[in-house]
Amino acid sequence: AAFSTTFNIVVAPCVSPWAYEHIQRWNPLAVDPNRSFNPHGPRVECRPFNPEPATEESRALLQYLGKLKPNGKWTMHIDCHETTDSDATEFTPARNARDGRPPEI
């Protein structure tokens, strides 16, 4: 209660409803909204993920947060999402197909 006058807590329980309904973390275009909040971030070739183009989901959440905090400064962000282990069997093949890459074996 002591912090209730100085702290605001925002909870965004579901950034991608389509992904939630399909028990996945990417959207219908095989883009992971979790990787699309910083589309101009550093790209590392050996990393299994890199920044994706901004998605409708990430743009909507950033726009909402911008209205709550007009100066764009946040003290903290905590990511508490859970995901399935379907990256190797579903997400990676879908992303490779989208990008015209051969399947990984």
N, C-alpha and C. Protein backbone atom coordinates (compact mmCIF):
# COMPACT_ATOMS: atom_id res chain seq x y z
N ALA A 1 0.81 -1.19 0.00
CA ALA A 1 0.00 0.00 0.00
C ALA A 1 0.86 1.26 0.00
N ALA A 2 2.05 1.20 0.56
CA ALA A 2 2.92 2.38 0.63
C ALA A 2 3.32 2.87 -0.75
N PHE A 3 3.43 1.98 -1.71
CA PHE A 3 3.86 2.36 -3.06
C PHE A 3 2.68 2.69 -3.99
N SER A 4 1.48 2.55 -3.51
CA SER A 4 0.32 2.72 -4.39
C SER A 4 0.19 4.12 -4.97
N THR A 5 0.82 5.11 -4.36
CA THR A 5 0.74 6.47 -4.90
C THR A 5 1.91 6.80 -5.81
N THR A 6 2.91 5.93 -5.87
CA THR A 6 4.09 6.22 -6.69
C THR A 6 4.34 5.20 -7.79
N PHE A 7 3.67 4.07 -7.76
CA PHE A 7 3.89 3.03 -8.76
C PHE A 7 2.60 2.70 -9.49
N ASN A 8 2.72 2.50 -10.77
CA ASN A 8 1.62 1.97 -11.57
C ASN A 8 2.09 0.64 -12.12
N ILE A 9 1.25 -0.34 -12.05
CA ILE A 9 1.57 -1.66 -12.58
C ILE A 9 0.61 -1.94 -13.73
N VAL A 10 1.17 -2.25 -14.88
CA VAL A 10 0.38 -2.58 -16.06
C VAL A 10 0.63 -4.04 -16.39
N VAL A 11 -0.42 -4.79 -16.56
CA VAL A 11 -0.31 -6.20 -16.91
C VAL A 11 -0.93 -6.39 -18.29
N ALA A 12 -0.15 -6.92 -19.20
CA ALA A 12 -0.65 -7.25 -20.54
C ALA A 12 -0.66 -8.77 -20.64
N PRO A 13 -1.75 -9.41 -20.24
CA PRO A 13 -1.75 -10.86 -20.12
C PRO A 13 -1.66 -11.63 -21.44
N CYS A 14 -2.05 -11.00 -22.53
CA CYS A 14 -2.05 -11.74 -23.79
C CYS A 14 -1.81 -10.78 -24.95
N VAL A 15 -0.59 -10.77 -25.46
CA VAL A 15 -0.26 -9.86 -26.56
C VAL A 15 -0.79 -10.40 -27.88
N SER A 16 -0.84 -11.70 -28.03
CA SER A 16 -1.28 -12.30 -29.29
C SER A 16 -2.39 -13.32 -29.03
N PRO A 17 -3.65 -12.90 -29.07
CA PRO A 17 -4.75 -13.83 -28.84
C PRO A 17 -4.76 -15.02 -29.80
N TRP A 18 -4.40 -14.79 -31.07
CA TRP A 18 -4.35 -15.89 -32.03
C TRP A 18 -3.36 -16.94 -31.57
N ALA A 19 -2.20 -16.49 -31.13
CA ALA A 19 -1.17 -17.43 -30.66
C ALA A 19 -1.67 -18.19 -29.43
N TYR A 20 -2.32 -17.50 -28.54
CA TYR A 20 -2.86 -18.15 -27.34
C TYR A 20 -3.85 -19.24 -27.72
N GLU A 21 -4.74 -18.93 -28.63
CA GLU A 21 -5.75 -19.90 -29.04
C GLU A 21 -5.14 -21.10 -29.76
N HIS A 22 -4.00 -20.92 -30.39
CA HIS A 22 -3.34 -22.00 -31.11
C HIS A 22 -2.17 -22.61 -30.34
N ILE A 23 -2.05 -22.25 -29.07
CA ILE A 23 -0.99 -22.74 -28.20
C ILE A 23 0.37 -22.55 -28.87
N GLN A 24 0.59 -21.34 -29.35
CA GLN A 24 1.84 -20.98 -30.01
C GLN A 24 2.24 -19.60 -29.52
N ARG A 25 3.43 -19.15 -29.90
CA ARG A 25 3.85 -17.82 -29.51
C ARG A 25 3.99 -16.88 -30.69
N TRP A 26 3.81 -17.37 -31.90
CA TRP A 26 3.91 -16.51 -33.08
C TRP A 26 2.51 -16.19 -33.60
N ASN A 27 2.45 -15.24 -34.50
CA ASN A 27 1.15 -14.86 -35.06
C ASN A 27 0.89 -15.65 -36.35
N PRO A 28 -0.23 -15.43 -37.04
CA PRO A 28 -0.53 -16.21 -38.25
C PRO A 28 0.49 -16.04 -39.37
N LEU A 29 1.33 -15.00 -39.30
CA LEU A 29 2.35 -14.76 -40.33
C LEU A 29 3.70 -15.36 -39.95
N ALA A 30 3.73 -16.22 -38.95
CA ALA A 30 4.96 -16.86 -38.46
C ALA A 30 5.97 -15.83 -37.96
N VAL A 31 5.47 -14.78 -37.33
CA VAL A 31 6.33 -13.78 -36.70
C VAL A 31 6.07 -13.83 -35.20
N ASP A 32 7.12 -13.86 -34.43
CA ASP A 32 7.02 -13.91 -32.98
C ASP A 32 6.88 -12.48 -32.44
N PRO A 33 5.70 -12.10 -31.95
CA PRO A 33 5.55 -10.75 -31.42
C PRO A 33 6.55 -10.43 -30.30
N ASN A 34 7.01 -11.45 -29.57
CA ASN A 34 8.00 -11.22 -28.52
C ASN A 34 9.31 -10.67 -29.07
N ARG A 35 9.59 -10.94 -30.33
CA ARG A 35 10.84 -10.48 -30.95
C ARG A 35 10.62 -9.23 -31.79
N SER A 36 9.43 -8.65 -31.75
CA SER A 36 9.14 -7.54 -32.66
C SER A 36 8.98 -6.19 -31.96
N PHE A 37 9.36 -6.10 -30.70
CA PHE A 37 9.25 -4.83 -30.00
C PHE A 37 10.44 -3.91 -30.29
N ASN A 38 11.51 -4.46 -30.81
CA ASN A 38 12.70 -3.68 -31.16
C ASN A 38 13.16 -4.11 -32.55
N PRO A 39 12.39 -3.77 -33.60
CA PRO A 39 12.70 -4.28 -34.94
C PRO A 39 14.04 -3.83 -35.49
N HIS A 40 14.62 -2.80 -34.93
CA HIS A 40 15.92 -2.32 -35.41
C HIS A 40 17.05 -2.74 -34.48
N GLY A 41 16.78 -3.70 -33.61
CA GLY A 41 17.80 -4.18 -32.68
C GLY A 41 18.92 -4.91 -33.40
N PRO A 42 19.96 -5.27 -32.67
CA PRO A 42 21.12 -5.92 -33.29
C PRO A 42 20.77 -7.31 -33.81
N ARG A 43 21.33 -7.63 -34.96
CA ARG A 43 21.16 -8.96 -35.56
C ARG A 43 22.44 -9.75 -35.33
N VAL A 44 22.29 -10.96 -34.85
CA VAL A 44 23.42 -11.84 -34.60
C VAL A 44 23.18 -13.12 -35.39
N GLU A 45 24.02 -13.39 -36.38
CA GLU A 45 23.79 -14.51 -37.29
C GLU A 45 23.71 -15.86 -36.59
N CYS A 46 24.52 -16.11 -35.57
CA CYS A 46 24.53 -17.44 -34.94
C CYS A 46 23.39 -17.60 -33.93
N ARG A 47 22.66 -16.55 -33.65
CA ARG A 47 21.58 -16.61 -32.68
C ARG A 47 20.34 -17.21 -33.34
N PRO A 48 19.61 -18.09 -32.66
CA PRO A 48 18.44 -18.71 -33.28
C PRO A 48 17.27 -17.75 -33.46
N PHE A 49 17.35 -16.57 -32.89
CA PHE A 49 16.30 -15.58 -33.07
C PHE A 49 16.95 -14.22 -33.29
N ASN A 50 16.27 -13.37 -33.98
CA ASN A 50 16.72 -12.00 -34.21
C ASN A 50 15.49 -11.11 -34.22
N PRO A 51 15.68 -9.80 -34.13
CA PRO A 51 14.52 -8.92 -34.16
C PRO A 51 13.69 -9.14 -35.43
N GLU A 52 12.40 -9.13 -35.26
CA GLU A 52 11.46 -9.29 -36.36
C GLU A 52 10.85 -7.93 -36.68
N PRO A 53 10.26 -7.77 -37.87
CA PRO A 53 9.54 -6.53 -38.15
C PRO A 53 8.42 -6.34 -37.12
N ALA A 54 8.10 -5.10 -36.81
CA ALA A 54 7.05 -4.83 -35.84
C ALA A 54 5.75 -5.49 -36.29
N THR A 55 5.08 -6.12 -35.36
CA THR A 55 3.81 -6.78 -35.66
C THR A 55 2.65 -5.90 -35.23
N GLU A 56 1.47 -6.24 -35.70
CA GLU A 56 0.27 -5.53 -35.28
C GLU A 56 0.14 -5.59 -33.76
N GLU A 57 0.47 -6.75 -33.19
CA GLU A 57 0.36 -6.95 -31.75
C GLU A 57 1.33 -6.05 -30.98
N SER A 58 2.60 -6.02 -31.41
CA SER A 58 3.58 -5.21 -30.68
C SER A 58 3.29 -3.72 -30.85
N ARG A 59 2.88 -3.31 -32.04
CA ARG A 59 2.55 -1.89 -32.25
C ARG A 59 1.38 -1.46 -31.37
N ALA A 60 0.37 -2.31 -31.25
CA ALA A 60 -0.81 -1.98 -30.42
C ALA A 60 -0.42 -1.83 -28.95
N LEU A 61 0.40 -2.74 -28.45
CA LEU A 61 0.81 -2.66 -27.04
C LEU A 61 1.69 -1.43 -26.81
N LEU A 62 2.64 -1.17 -27.71
CA LEU A 62 3.50 0.00 -27.54
C LEU A 62 2.69 1.30 -27.61
N GLN A 63 1.69 1.35 -28.47
CA GLN A 63 0.84 2.53 -28.56
C GLN A 63 0.07 2.73 -27.25
N TYR A 64 -0.45 1.65 -26.72
CA TYR A 64 -1.18 1.72 -25.44
C TYR A 64 -0.26 2.20 -24.32
N LEU A 65 0.92 1.61 -24.24
CA LEU A 65 1.86 2.01 -23.19
C LEU A 65 2.29 3.46 -23.36
N GLY A 66 2.43 3.92 -24.59
CA GLY A 66 2.79 5.31 -24.84
C GLY A 66 1.74 6.29 -24.32
N LYS A 67 0.48 5.89 -24.37
CA LYS A 67 -0.58 6.74 -23.83
C LYS A 67 -0.53 6.81 -22.31
N LEU A 68 -0.08 5.74 -21.69
CA LEU A 68 0.00 5.72 -20.23
C LEU A 68 1.22 6.48 -19.71
N LYS A 69 2.28 6.47 -20.48
CA LYS A 69 3.54 7.10 -20.07
C LYS A 69 4.05 7.93 -21.25
N PRO A 70 3.53 9.15 -21.42
CA PRO A 70 3.84 9.95 -22.60
C PRO A 70 5.33 10.19 -22.85
N ASN A 71 6.15 10.25 -21.81
CA ASN A 71 7.59 10.48 -22.05
C ASN A 71 8.31 9.22 -22.49
N GLY A 72 7.60 8.10 -22.52
CA GLY A 72 8.18 6.86 -23.01
C GLY A 72 9.15 6.19 -22.07
N LYS A 73 9.27 6.66 -20.85
CA LYS A 73 10.23 6.08 -19.91
C LYS A 73 9.51 5.18 -18.92
N TRP A 74 10.03 3.98 -18.83
CA TRP A 74 9.49 3.01 -17.89
C TRP A 74 10.62 2.60 -16.96
N THR A 75 10.29 2.35 -15.72
CA THR A 75 11.30 1.96 -14.74
C THR A 75 11.65 0.49 -14.89
N MET A 76 10.67 -0.33 -15.20
CA MET A 76 10.93 -1.76 -15.22
C MET A 76 9.96 -2.45 -16.18
N HIS A 77 10.44 -3.54 -16.74
CA HIS A 77 9.61 -4.41 -17.57
C HIS A 77 9.92 -5.84 -17.14
N ILE A 78 8.92 -6.60 -16.84
CA ILE A 78 9.11 -8.01 -16.47
C ILE A 78 8.32 -8.85 -17.46
N ASP A 79 9.00 -9.77 -18.09
CA ASP A 79 8.37 -10.65 -19.07
C ASP A 79 8.07 -11.98 -18.38
N CYS A 80 6.81 -12.25 -18.19
CA CYS A 80 6.40 -13.47 -17.49
C CYS A 80 5.53 -14.34 -18.38
N HIS A 81 5.96 -14.56 -19.61
CA HIS A 81 5.14 -15.40 -20.47
C HIS A 81 5.66 -16.83 -20.44
N GLU A 82 4.79 -17.73 -20.75
CA GLU A 82 5.20 -19.12 -20.86
C GLU A 82 4.96 -19.55 -22.30
N THR A 83 5.69 -20.53 -22.71
CA THR A 83 5.55 -21.01 -24.08
C THR A 83 5.69 -22.53 -24.06
N THR A 84 5.27 -23.12 -25.12
CA THR A 84 5.41 -24.56 -25.23
C THR A 84 6.78 -24.88 -25.79
N ASP A 85 7.08 -26.14 -25.91
CA ASP A 85 8.36 -26.55 -26.49
C ASP A 85 8.22 -26.81 -27.99
N SER A 86 7.31 -26.10 -28.63
CA SER A 86 7.02 -26.35 -30.04
C SER A 86 7.92 -25.59 -31.00
N ASP A 87 8.94 -24.89 -30.51
CA ASP A 87 9.82 -24.15 -31.42
C ASP A 87 10.43 -25.04 -32.48
N ALA A 88 11.00 -26.16 -32.06
CA ALA A 88 11.71 -27.03 -32.99
C ALA A 88 10.76 -27.75 -33.96
N THR A 89 9.56 -28.03 -33.50
CA THR A 89 8.65 -28.81 -34.34
C THR A 89 7.66 -27.97 -35.14
N GLU A 90 7.38 -26.74 -34.68
CA GLU A 90 6.38 -25.93 -35.38
C GLU A 90 6.90 -24.55 -35.79
N PHE A 91 7.42 -23.79 -34.83
CA PHE A 91 7.78 -22.41 -35.15
C PHE A 91 8.95 -22.32 -36.12
N THR A 92 10.02 -23.05 -35.87
CA THR A 92 11.20 -22.97 -36.75
C THR A 92 10.86 -23.43 -38.16
N PRO A 93 10.17 -24.57 -38.37
CA PRO A 93 9.79 -24.94 -39.74
C PRO A 93 8.90 -23.89 -40.42
N ALA A 94 7.96 -23.29 -39.67
CA ALA A 94 7.09 -22.27 -40.26
C ALA A 94 7.90 -21.03 -40.64
N ARG A 95 8.82 -20.63 -39.79
CA ARG A 95 9.65 -19.46 -40.09
C ARG A 95 10.56 -19.74 -41.29
N ASN A 96 11.15 -20.93 -41.33
CA ASN A 96 12.01 -21.28 -42.47
C ASN A 96 11.21 -21.31 -43.78
N ALA A 97 9.99 -21.84 -43.74
CA ALA A 97 9.15 -21.85 -44.93
C ALA A 97 8.80 -20.43 -45.35
N ARG A 98 8.48 -19.58 -44.38
CA ARG A 98 8.15 -18.19 -44.68
C ARG A 98 9.33 -17.47 -45.33
N ASP A 99 10.55 -17.75 -44.84
CA ASP A 99 11.75 -17.06 -45.32
C ASP A 99 12.43 -17.77 -46.49
N GLY A 100 11.84 -18.88 -46.98
CA GLY A 100 12.41 -19.58 -48.13
C GLY A 100 13.68 -20.34 -47.81
N ARG A 101 13.84 -20.74 -46.56
CA ARG A 101 15.02 -21.51 -46.15
C ARG A 101 14.69 -23.00 -46.15
N PRO A 102 15.70 -23.84 -46.34
CA PRO A 102 15.45 -25.28 -46.27
C PRO A 102 15.14 -25.71 -44.84
N PRO A 103 14.44 -26.81 -44.68
CA PRO A 103 14.14 -27.31 -43.33
C PRO A 103 15.43 -27.66 -42.59
N GLU A 104 15.40 -27.48 -41.28
CA GLU A 104 16.54 -27.89 -40.46
C GLU A 104 16.34 -29.35 -40.07
N ILE A 105 17.41 -30.09 -40.12
CA ILE A 105 17.32 -31.52 -39.78
C ILE A 105 18.10 -31.79 -38.52
